[in-house]
Protein backbone atom coordinates (compact mmCIF):
# COMPACT_ATOMS: atom_id res chain seq x y z
CA MET A 1 -0.17 0.09 0.00
CA LYS A 2 1.03 3.73 -0.35
CA VAL A 3 0.65 6.68 1.80
CA LYS A 4 1.75 9.97 0.87
CA GLY A 5 3.70 8.41 -1.80
CA VAL A 6 5.37 5.87 0.89
CA VAL A 7 5.23 2.22 -0.04
CA ILE A 8 4.34 0.26 3.09
CA THR A 9 4.71 -3.50 3.10
CA ARG A 10 3.23 -6.29 5.42
CA ASP A 11 6.72 -6.52 6.79
CA ALA A 12 7.24 -2.88 7.68
CA CYS A 13 3.72 -3.27 9.50
CA LEU A 14 4.72 -6.39 11.30
CA LEU A 15 7.89 -4.46 12.52
CA ALA A 16 5.67 -1.55 13.86
CA ILE A 17 3.30 -3.76 15.50
CA SER A 18 6.34 -5.48 17.45
CA LYS A 19 7.21 -2.14 18.88
CA LEU A 20 3.67 -1.04 19.79
CA SER A 21 1.62 -1.76 22.92
CA GLU A 22 -1.78 -2.72 22.41
CA ASN A 23 -4.28 0.15 21.92
CA THR A 24 -7.92 -0.56 22.62
CA GLY A 25 -8.92 3.39 22.49
CA SER A 26 -9.38 3.60 18.75
CA LYS A 27 -12.73 2.88 17.11
CA PHE A 28 -11.19 0.86 14.43
CA VAL A 29 -8.14 -1.43 15.12
CA VAL A 30 -5.97 -3.93 13.69
CA GLU A 31 -6.16 -7.46 15.40
CA TYR A 32 -2.91 -9.28 15.38
CA ASP A 33 -2.06 -12.33 17.51
CA GLY A 34 -5.23 -11.65 19.59
CA LEU A 35 -4.04 -8.05 20.36
CA PHE A 36 -5.47 -4.64 19.09
CA TYR A 37 -3.55 -2.05 17.56
CA ALA A 38 -4.43 1.54 16.16
CA PRO A 39 -4.14 1.45 12.27
CA LYS A 40 -2.71 4.93 12.17
CA GLN A 41 -0.14 4.21 14.74
CA ILE A 42 0.99 0.99 12.58
CA VAL A 43 1.10 3.01 9.35
CA SER A 44 3.03 5.84 11.09
CA LEU A 45 5.97 3.72 12.42
CA ALA A 46 5.97 1.65 9.16
CA SER A 47 6.06 4.75 6.94
CA GLY A 48 8.05 7.12 9.11
CA LEU A 49 5.16 9.72 8.71
CA PRO A 50 3.74 11.44 11.55
CA VAL A 51 0.21 10.22 12.52
CA SER A 52 -1.14 13.86 11.86
CA GLY A 53 0.58 13.70 8.34
CA PHE A 54 -1.95 11.42 6.71
CA SER A 55 -5.68 10.59 6.95
CA GLY A 56 -6.92 7.37 8.57
CA GLY A 57 -10.49 5.98 7.73
CA SER A 58 -11.56 3.40 5.30
CA THR A 59 -8.76 4.10 2.43
CA LEU A 60 -6.14 3.14 5.29
CA ASN A 61 -8.04 0.31 6.64
CA ASN A 62 -8.65 -1.17 3.28
CA GLY A 63 -4.94 -0.93 2.66
CA LEU A 64 -4.10 -2.80 5.59
CA THR A 65 -6.66 -5.49 4.91
CA ARG A 66 -5.21 -5.71 1.48
CA LEU A 67 -1.88 -6.59 3.31
CA GLY A 68 -3.53 -9.55 5.11
CA PHE A 69 -4.38 -7.79 8.34
CA THR A 70 -7.73 -7.97 10.09
CA VAL A 71 -9.16 -4.43 10.70
CA GLY A 72 -12.48 -3.65 12.02
CA PRO A 73 -14.62 -1.73 14.69
CA ILE A 74 -13.02 -2.69 17.93
CA ASN A 75 -16.37 -3.87 19.53
CA ASP A 76 -16.82 -6.38 16.78
CA LEU A 77 -13.42 -7.75 16.77
CA MET A 78 -13.40 -8.03 20.68
CA LYS A 79 -16.65 -10.04 20.56
CA GLY A 80 -15.00 -12.22 17.94
CA SER A 81 -11.91 -12.70 20.25
CA ASN A 82 -14.30 -13.69 23.16
CA ASN A 83 -15.93 -16.18 21.27
CA GLU A 84 -12.62 -18.18 20.37
CA SER A 85 -11.79 -18.51 24.12
């Protein structure tokens, strides 16, 4: 995916996730290994762009989905995680 002309790979996103703490304060999140992360924080770390330097929303979420990540409303994803226990 590209954000502000910067190509962002799945590997760069995985590296970003490894540096982040779980964040359940976002309306939409990326679920990875049963934990939840803010999409803009992932992309910011993966791209080197500040969080305020690009838009979030459906375009960003769809790009992360195309990279193979599960992205959705935190309430829906948390319910799904609880059902797997």
